[in-house]
Amino acid sequence: MDTADHKSLREAVSALGKRHGRGSDTTQLWSEAGKLGYLGVNLPEAYGGGGGGITELSLVLEELGAAGCPLLMLVVSPAICGTVIARFGTDAQKQTWLPALADGSRLMAFGITEPDAGSNSHRITTTARRDQDTGDWILTGRKVFISGVDIADATLIVGRTEDARTGRLKPCLFIVPRDTPGFGRRLIDMELNAAEKQFELTLDDVRLPADALVGDEDAGLLQLFAGLNPERIMTAAFAIGMGRYALARAVEYARDRQVWKTPIGAHQAIAHPLAQAHIELELARLMMQKAAHLYDAGDDTGAGEAANMAKYAAGEACVKAVDQAVHTLGGNGLTREYGLAQLITAARVARIAPVSREMILNYVSHQTLGLPKSY
């Protein structure tokens, strides 16, 4: 449950979100949120952050989503990249990036997904090799569905070293500045109506200095999941916020809309599905809060299980809430005036990204229940 500090933060962020509202300029909102200290609440105080954790950052994203103006790059820049750099970066990397990520003056994208790997991260083929003469790293590979690369100052790229090209993934992470030679991007034409664009990336012998490597090239999966668990928790926050926004619009409409001398919300056929949607969103929020608490307490294993469950629950709850909201409004639910129809596509994202619900069910069946793998 929320502490007094969390309630105050929730109220303040909610007020900011309502001032901007749906369809607002995300650049302006990002800037204001940064100045108010909301973007870096999870980052260390020593580097300009709020000294909190993913608990606080997920709260910020949820409330902005509930106001109709979620910031997708909150998932990526402070939650994934900021967390990884704060935990594993060098002093120079922390000094260079964390204050700027915290105040929003710089952004960092995150590149893991590949066209031929899909959900199987162990098939990542983006390769990093050392130039023995200079000590530089040279990266080659492709990435797909990478958010916000055009507005990000750099992308945190997940690759594997040349001598670890086969076998289980032993990831290494590199900071690749946007204008690095050989680092190309192509806009993906999406049906999704979002301010943040999606890109396919090519890394064609991208040369990086030795200090572009974040952490240890032999650290393995720990570094990667330091970013992926917050990503799942923040995706849950994104979905819960969106579901709350849609539900609030539907409840407002059901209170006011009259057909037979009484508001349609008085009819159980309208009221009960909305009540169910609210219950499922609240249950998903509880699991998200549990996951965030475990992560902030340093329990990476427990957080991994809970983060997957939270993301699953929030994705399902969001899709149901949006669907029921549109249905409550009838024809009006499909008009631009009410702005709910475009959420139908957006809600699906929470089921698909950053990991599909089927892969989460695989995780729970294997890791939690101890059932044998099918692959």
Protein backbone atom coordinates (compact mmCIF):
# COMPACT_ATOMS: atom_id res chain seq x y z
CA MET A 1 0.00 0.00 0.00
CA ASP A 2 1.04 3.61 -0.53
CA THR A 3 2.95 5.38 2.23
CA ALA A 4 2.20 9.02 3.03
CA ASP A 5 5.12 10.05 0.80
CA HIS A 6 3.80 7.89 -2.02
CA LYS A 7 0.32 9.41 -1.68
CA SER A 8 1.82 12.90 -1.90
CA LEU A 9 3.87 11.92 -4.95
CA ARG A 10 0.82 10.31 -6.55
CA GLU A 11 -1.27 13.45 -6.02
CA ALA A 12 1.44 15.75 -7.37
CA VAL A 13 2.06 13.66 -10.50
CA SER A 14 -1.68 13.28 -11.07
CA ALA A 15 -2.05 17.06 -10.95
CA LEU A 16 0.76 17.44 -13.50
CA GLY A 17 -0.87 14.86 -15.76
CA LYS A 18 -4.26 16.56 -15.58
CA ARG A 19 -2.69 19.90 -16.49
CA HIS A 20 -1.35 18.33 -19.68
CA GLY A 21 -3.96 15.68 -20.48
CA ARG A 22 -4.47 13.37 -23.44
CA GLY A 23 -2.94 14.55 -26.70
CA SER A 24 -0.51 16.91 -24.97
CA ASP A 25 2.98 17.68 -26.19
CA THR A 26 5.10 14.88 -24.73
CA THR A 27 8.31 16.90 -25.12
CA GLN A 28 6.91 19.68 -22.96
CA LEU A 29 5.53 17.22 -20.42
CA TRP A 30 8.87 15.37 -20.27
CA SER A 31 10.71 18.62 -19.65
CA GLU A 32 8.37 19.73 -16.88
CA ALA A 33 8.39 16.30 -15.23
CA GLY A 34 12.19 16.40 -15.27
CA LYS A 35 12.34 19.84 -13.67
CA LEU A 36 9.98 18.66 -10.93
CA GLY A 37 12.22 15.66 -10.24
CA TYR A 38 9.76 12.96 -11.31
CA LEU A 39 11.83 11.38 -14.10
CA GLY A 40 14.74 10.47 -11.84
CA VAL A 41 12.97 9.43 -8.65
CA ASN A 42 14.61 5.99 -8.89
CA LEU A 43 18.16 7.23 -9.49
CA PRO A 44 20.78 7.87 -6.77
CA GLU A 45 20.71 11.23 -4.99
CA ALA A 46 24.46 11.56 -5.49
CA TYR A 47 23.79 11.88 -9.24
CA GLY A 48 20.79 14.20 -9.12
CA GLY A 49 18.10 11.58 -8.66
CA GLY A 50 15.45 11.21 -5.99
CA GLY A 51 17.09 8.29 -4.22
CA GLY A 52 13.96 6.15 -4.47
CA GLY A 53 13.37 3.04 -6.50
CA ILE A 54 11.24 1.43 -9.17
CA THR A 55 8.35 1.65 -6.69
CA GLU A 56 8.34 5.44 -7.02
CA LEU A 57 9.04 5.53 -10.76
CA SER A 58 6.23 3.08 -11.53
CA LEU A 59 3.91 5.28 -9.50
CA VAL A 60 4.88 8.28 -11.65
CA LEU A 61 4.18 6.41 -14.89
CA GLU A 62 0.89 4.97 -13.62
CA GLU A 63 -0.45 8.38 -12.62
CA LEU A 64 0.58 10.02 -15.90
CA GLY A 65 -1.13 7.14 -17.71
CA ALA A 66 -4.28 7.55 -15.63
CA ALA A 67 -4.32 11.22 -16.68
CA GLY A 68 -4.13 10.15 -20.33
CA CYS A 69 -0.53 11.17 -21.00
CA PRO A 70 1.82 8.27 -20.24
CA LEU A 71 5.48 8.73 -21.14
CA LEU A 72 6.76 5.54 -22.78
CA MET A 73 10.38 6.64 -22.49
CA LEU A 74 10.06 6.47 -18.69
CA VAL A 75 10.14 2.70 -19.17
CA VAL A 76 13.34 2.92 -21.18
CA SER A 77 15.51 5.86 -20.15
CA PRO A 78 15.48 6.05 -16.32
CA ALA A 79 14.04 2.58 -15.58
CA ILE A 80 16.17 0.35 -17.80
CA CYS A 81 19.19 2.40 -18.81
CA GLY A 82 19.42 4.50 -15.66
CA THR A 83 19.14 1.43 -13.44
CA VAL A 84 21.79 -0.53 -15.36
CA ILE A 85 24.25 2.38 -15.34
CA ALA A 86 23.60 3.12 -11.67
CA ARG A 87 24.24 -0.52 -10.71
CA PHE A 88 27.06 -1.45 -13.07
CA GLY A 89 28.43 1.66 -14.77
CA THR A 90 31.84 3.20 -14.19
CA ASP A 91 32.15 6.44 -12.23
CA ALA A 92 32.62 8.31 -15.51
CA GLN A 93 29.49 6.75 -17.02
CA LYS A 94 27.49 7.62 -13.94
CA GLN A 95 28.71 11.23 -13.95
CA THR A 96 28.05 11.59 -17.68
CA TRP A 97 24.60 10.03 -17.84
CA LEU A 98 22.73 9.81 -14.55
CA PRO A 99 22.23 13.53 -13.80
CA ALA A 100 21.05 14.11 -17.39
CA LEU A 101 18.73 11.09 -17.34
CA ALA A 102 17.36 12.27 -13.99
CA ASP A 103 16.50 15.80 -15.10
CA GLY A 104 15.32 14.67 -18.54
CA SER A 105 17.84 16.73 -20.49
CA ARG A 106 19.16 13.55 -22.13
CA LEU A 107 17.47 10.31 -23.08
CA MET A 108 18.76 6.82 -23.70
CA ALA A 109 17.00 4.12 -25.71
CA PHE A 110 17.41 0.37 -25.17
CA GLY A 111 18.15 -2.15 -27.92
CA ILE A 112 17.75 -5.87 -27.28
CA THR A 113 15.11 -7.31 -29.68
CA GLU A 114 16.38 -8.73 -32.98
CA PRO A 115 14.49 -9.67 -36.16
CA ASP A 116 15.53 -13.32 -36.08
CA ALA A 117 15.61 -13.88 -32.33
CA GLY A 118 12.16 -12.74 -31.20
CA SER A 119 11.46 -13.97 -27.68
CA ASN A 120 14.60 -16.14 -27.70
CA SER A 121 17.21 -13.72 -26.39
CA HIS A 122 19.78 -16.50 -26.44
CA ARG A 123 19.76 -16.24 -30.24
CA ILE A 124 20.99 -12.65 -30.21
CA THR A 125 23.58 -12.30 -32.96
CA THR A 126 24.72 -8.71 -32.46
CA THR A 127 28.43 -9.26 -31.94
CA ALA A 128 31.11 -7.20 -30.23
CA ARG A 129 34.79 -7.85 -31.00
CA ARG A 130 37.88 -6.13 -29.67
CA ASP A 131 40.34 -4.32 -31.90
CA GLN A 132 43.57 -5.66 -30.42
CA ASP A 133 45.55 -2.65 -31.64
CA THR A 134 43.39 0.10 -30.17
CA GLY A 135 41.28 -1.65 -27.53
CA ASP A 136 38.13 -0.37 -29.26
CA TRP A 137 34.97 -2.44 -29.51
CA ILE A 138 33.47 -3.08 -32.96
CA LEU A 139 29.75 -3.93 -33.05
CA THR A 140 27.87 -5.62 -35.88
CA GLY A 141 24.21 -6.61 -35.92
CA ARG A 142 20.57 -5.61 -36.21
CA LYS A 143 17.83 -4.65 -33.78
CA VAL A 144 14.08 -4.14 -34.28
CA PHE A 145 11.17 -2.43 -32.48
CA ILE A 146 13.46 -0.07 -30.59
CA SER A 147 11.54 2.87 -29.12
CA GLY A 148 12.53 6.51 -29.33
CA VAL A 149 15.92 6.17 -31.02
CA ASP A 150 15.37 9.43 -32.91
CA ILE A 151 14.93 11.45 -29.70
CA ALA A 152 17.49 9.53 -27.62
CA ASP A 153 21.05 10.79 -27.28
CA ALA A 154 22.32 7.21 -27.18
CA THR A 155 21.08 3.62 -27.20
CA LEU A 156 22.10 0.95 -24.72
CA ILE A 157 22.76 -1.98 -27.06
CA VAL A 158 22.74 -5.60 -25.90
CA GLY A 159 25.26 -7.76 -27.74
CA ARG A 160 27.51 -10.72 -27.16
CA THR A 161 31.24 -11.00 -27.42
CA GLU A 162 32.70 -12.77 -30.42
CA ASP A 163 34.10 -15.63 -28.35
CA ALA A 164 30.65 -16.20 -26.80
CA ARG A 165 28.76 -16.34 -30.09
CA THR A 166 27.46 -19.84 -29.48
CA GLY A 167 25.79 -21.43 -26.48
CA ARG A 168 23.77 -19.60 -23.83
CA LEU A 169 23.64 -15.84 -23.98
CA LYS A 170 26.36 -14.02 -22.08
CA PRO A 171 25.27 -10.46 -22.75
CA CYS A 172 27.40 -7.36 -22.78
CA LEU A 173 25.96 -3.85 -22.91
CA PHE A 174 27.29 -0.85 -24.80
CA ILE A 175 26.38 2.83 -24.88
CA VAL A 176 26.12 3.81 -28.56
CA PRO A 177 25.73 7.58 -29.20
CA ARG A 178 23.06 8.41 -31.79
CA ASP A 179 25.41 9.83 -34.45
CA THR A 180 28.10 7.14 -34.23
CA PRO A 181 29.32 6.18 -37.75
CA GLY A 182 27.79 2.90 -38.92
CA PHE A 183 24.82 3.19 -36.54
CA GLY A 184 21.79 3.39 -38.81
CA ARG A 185 18.06 3.50 -38.15
CA ARG A 186 14.92 2.94 -40.21
CA LEU A 187 11.47 4.07 -39.08
CA ILE A 188 8.95 1.21 -38.79
CA ASP A 189 5.51 2.20 -40.07
CA MET A 190 3.22 1.30 -37.15
CA GLU A 191 -0.58 1.34 -36.90
CA LEU A 192 0.01 2.27 -33.26
CA ASN A 193 -0.84 5.90 -32.51
CA ALA A 194 1.97 6.92 -30.16
CA ALA A 195 4.27 9.92 -29.84
CA GLU A 196 7.30 7.61 -29.53
CA LYS A 197 8.37 6.00 -32.81
CA GLN A 198 9.68 2.49 -33.42
CA PHE A 199 12.89 1.76 -35.34
CA GLU A 200 14.94 -0.98 -36.90
CA LEU A 201 18.64 -0.47 -36.20
CA THR A 202 21.70 -1.59 -38.11
CA LEU A 203 25.17 -1.68 -36.60
CA ASP A 204 27.69 -1.88 -39.42
CA ASP A 205 31.14 -2.15 -37.85
CA VAL A 206 30.25 0.47 -35.27
CA ARG A 207 33.50 1.43 -33.54
CA LEU A 208 33.26 2.35 -29.86
CA PRO A 209 35.92 3.23 -27.31
CA ALA A 210 36.70 0.68 -24.59
CA ASP A 211 34.78 2.76 -22.04
CA ALA A 212 31.50 2.33 -23.97
CA LEU A 213 31.10 -1.06 -22.28
CA VAL A 214 28.79 -0.91 -19.26
CA GLY A 215 29.90 -3.23 -16.49
CA ASP A 216 31.87 -6.39 -17.02
CA GLU A 217 31.88 -8.32 -20.29
CA ASP A 218 31.85 -11.52 -18.20
CA ALA A 219 29.09 -10.51 -15.78
CA GLY A 220 26.47 -12.47 -17.69
CA LEU A 221 22.72 -12.26 -17.25
CA LEU A 222 22.72 -10.34 -13.95
CA GLN A 223 23.45 -7.03 -15.69
CA LEU A 224 20.77 -7.62 -18.31
CA PHE A 225 18.03 -8.56 -15.85
CA ALA A 226 18.90 -5.53 -13.75
CA GLY A 227 17.20 -3.67 -16.60
CA LEU A 228 14.61 -6.22 -17.76
CA ASN A 229 12.86 -6.63 -14.40
CA PRO A 230 12.23 -2.86 -14.08
CA GLU A 231 11.08 -2.89 -17.71
CA ARG A 232 8.37 -5.44 -16.90
CA ILE A 233 7.29 -3.55 -13.77
CA MET A 234 7.12 -0.27 -15.67
CA THR A 235 5.18 -1.88 -18.52
CA ALA A 236 2.68 -3.01 -15.89
CA ALA A 237 2.46 0.59 -14.64
CA PHE A 238 1.91 1.79 -18.21
CA ALA A 239 -0.91 -0.71 -18.70
CA ILE A 240 -2.57 -0.01 -15.35
CA GLY A 241 -2.51 3.73 -15.99
CA MET A 242 -4.03 3.27 -19.44
CA GLY A 243 -6.72 0.96 -18.04
CA ARG A 244 -7.56 3.44 -15.30
CA TYR A 245 -7.86 6.24 -17.84
CA ALA A 246 -10.23 4.25 -20.06
CA LEU A 247 -12.29 3.07 -17.11
CA ALA A 248 -12.67 6.61 -15.74
CA ARG A 249 -13.97 7.84 -19.10
CA ALA A 250 -16.47 4.98 -19.20
CA VAL A 251 -17.68 5.53 -15.64
CA GLU A 252 -18.16 9.24 -16.32
CA TYR A 253 -20.17 8.44 -19.45
CA ALA A 254 -22.24 5.76 -17.67
CA ARG A 255 -23.17 8.24 -14.93
CA ASP A 256 -24.33 10.91 -17.36
CA ARG A 257 -25.76 9.04 -20.35
CA GLN A 258 -29.53 8.49 -20.14
CA VAL A 259 -31.59 6.37 -22.50
CA TRP A 260 -34.68 5.28 -20.49
CA LYS A 261 -35.01 8.02 -17.86
CA THR A 262 -32.09 6.69 -15.86
CA PRO A 263 -28.31 6.74 -16.32
CA ILE A 264 -27.09 3.65 -18.15
CA GLY A 265 -24.67 3.02 -15.28
CA ALA A 266 -27.64 2.00 -13.13
CA HIS A 267 -28.05 -1.13 -15.26
CA GLN A 268 -26.02 -4.10 -14.05
CA ALA A 269 -25.15 -5.08 -17.62
CA ILE A 270 -23.18 -1.83 -17.77
CA ALA A 271 -22.13 -1.49 -14.13
CA HIS A 272 -20.86 -5.00 -13.36
CA PRO A 273 -18.31 -5.27 -16.20
CA LEU A 274 -16.91 -1.88 -15.19
CA ALA A 275 -16.69 -3.03 -11.57
CA GLN A 276 -14.89 -6.19 -12.72
CA ALA A 277 -12.44 -4.12 -14.75
CA HIS A 278 -11.71 -1.96 -11.69
CA ILE A 279 -11.11 -5.04 -9.50
CA GLU A 280 -8.72 -6.60 -12.03
CA LEU A 281 -6.76 -3.36 -12.39
CA GLU A 282 -6.44 -3.10 -8.60
CA LEU A 283 -5.24 -6.71 -8.35
CA ALA A 284 -2.66 -6.08 -11.07
CA ARG A 285 -1.49 -2.97 -9.23
CA LEU A 286 -0.93 -4.99 -6.05
CA MET A 287 1.29 -7.46 -7.91
CA MET A 288 3.16 -4.58 -9.55
CA GLN A 289 3.77 -3.03 -6.13
CA LYS A 290 5.00 -6.39 -4.81
CA ALA A 291 7.39 -6.74 -7.75
CA ALA A 292 8.72 -3.21 -7.29
CA HIS A 293 9.18 -3.77 -3.55
CA LEU A 294 11.14 -6.99 -4.13
CA TYR A 295 13.31 -5.35 -6.77
CA ASP A 296 14.06 -2.32 -4.63
CA ALA A 297 14.90 -4.64 -1.71
CA GLY A 298 17.55 -6.35 -3.85
CA ASP A 299 15.71 -9.65 -4.34
CA ASP A 300 16.37 -10.08 -8.06
CA THR A 301 15.04 -13.65 -8.18
CA GLY A 302 11.80 -12.88 -6.36
CA ALA A 303 11.39 -9.70 -8.37
CA GLY A 304 11.79 -11.62 -11.62
CA GLU A 305 8.85 -13.89 -10.85
CA ALA A 306 6.65 -11.08 -9.53
CA ALA A 307 7.55 -8.69 -12.38
CA ASN A 308 6.49 -11.28 -14.94
CA MET A 309 3.23 -11.92 -13.10
CA ALA A 310 2.56 -8.19 -12.73
CA LYS A 311 3.16 -7.55 -16.40
CA TYR A 312 0.85 -10.44 -17.33
CA ALA A 313 -1.93 -9.34 -14.98
CA ALA A 314 -1.69 -5.68 -15.99
CA GLY A 315 -1.73 -6.47 -19.71
CA GLU A 316 -4.85 -8.59 -19.38
CA ALA A 317 -6.58 -6.07 -17.11
CA CYS A 318 -5.76 -3.18 -19.43
CA VAL A 319 -7.11 -4.90 -22.55
CA LYS A 320 -10.35 -5.81 -20.73
CA ALA A 321 -10.76 -2.31 -19.27
CA VAL A 322 -10.26 -0.61 -22.63
CA ASP A 323 -12.57 -3.03 -24.41
CA GLN A 324 -15.30 -2.54 -21.82
CA ALA A 325 -14.86 1.23 -21.88
CA VAL A 326 -15.31 1.35 -25.65
CA HIS A 327 -18.32 -0.96 -25.40
CA THR A 328 -19.89 1.19 -22.68
CA LEU A 329 -19.82 4.22 -24.97
CA GLY A 330 -21.20 2.27 -27.93
CA GLY A 331 -20.74 4.20 -31.16
CA ASN A 332 -19.23 7.10 -29.24
CA GLY A 333 -16.45 4.76 -28.13
CA LEU A 334 -15.21 4.69 -31.72
CA THR A 335 -15.20 8.45 -32.29
CA ARG A 336 -12.17 10.73 -32.18
CA GLU A 337 -14.06 13.02 -29.82
CA TYR A 338 -13.87 10.53 -26.97
CA GLY A 339 -10.41 9.20 -27.85
CA LEU A 340 -10.91 5.64 -26.62
CA ALA A 341 -10.76 3.73 -29.90
CA GLN A 342 -7.04 4.38 -30.40
CA LEU A 343 -6.43 2.76 -27.01
CA ILE A 344 -7.61 -0.59 -28.41
CA THR A 345 -4.36 -0.90 -30.37
CA ALA A 346 -2.26 0.62 -27.59
CA ALA A 347 -3.66 -1.81 -25.02
CA ARG A 348 -2.48 -4.77 -27.10
CA VAL A 349 1.10 -3.61 -26.66
CA ALA A 350 0.92 -4.53 -22.97
CA ARG A 351 0.16 -8.13 -23.97
CA ILE A 352 2.95 -8.29 -26.54
CA ALA A 353 5.86 -6.22 -25.24
CA PRO A 354 8.43 -6.44 -23.81
CA VAL A 355 7.64 -10.14 -23.44
CA SER A 356 4.51 -11.93 -24.64
CA ARG A 357 1.99 -13.36 -22.21
CA GLU A 358 2.78 -16.84 -23.56
CA MET A 359 6.45 -16.49 -22.60
CA ILE A 360 5.39 -15.34 -19.14
CA LEU A 361 3.21 -18.44 -18.82
CA ASN A 362 6.25 -20.48 -19.88
CA TYR A 363 8.32 -18.76 -17.18
CA VAL A 364 5.75 -19.44 -14.46
CA SER A 365 5.18 -23.05 -15.51
CA HIS A 366 8.94 -23.77 -15.62
CA GLN A 367 10.38 -21.59 -12.88
CA THR A 368 7.52 -21.43 -10.38
CA LEU A 369 5.69 -24.71 -10.89
CA GLY A 370 8.71 -26.79 -11.89
CA LEU A 371 7.08 -28.26 -14.99
CA PRO A 372 9.32 -29.53 -17.82
CA LYS A 373 10.16 -27.28 -20.76
CA SER A 374 8.61 -27.80 -24.16
CA TYR A 375 11.57 -26.16 -25.93
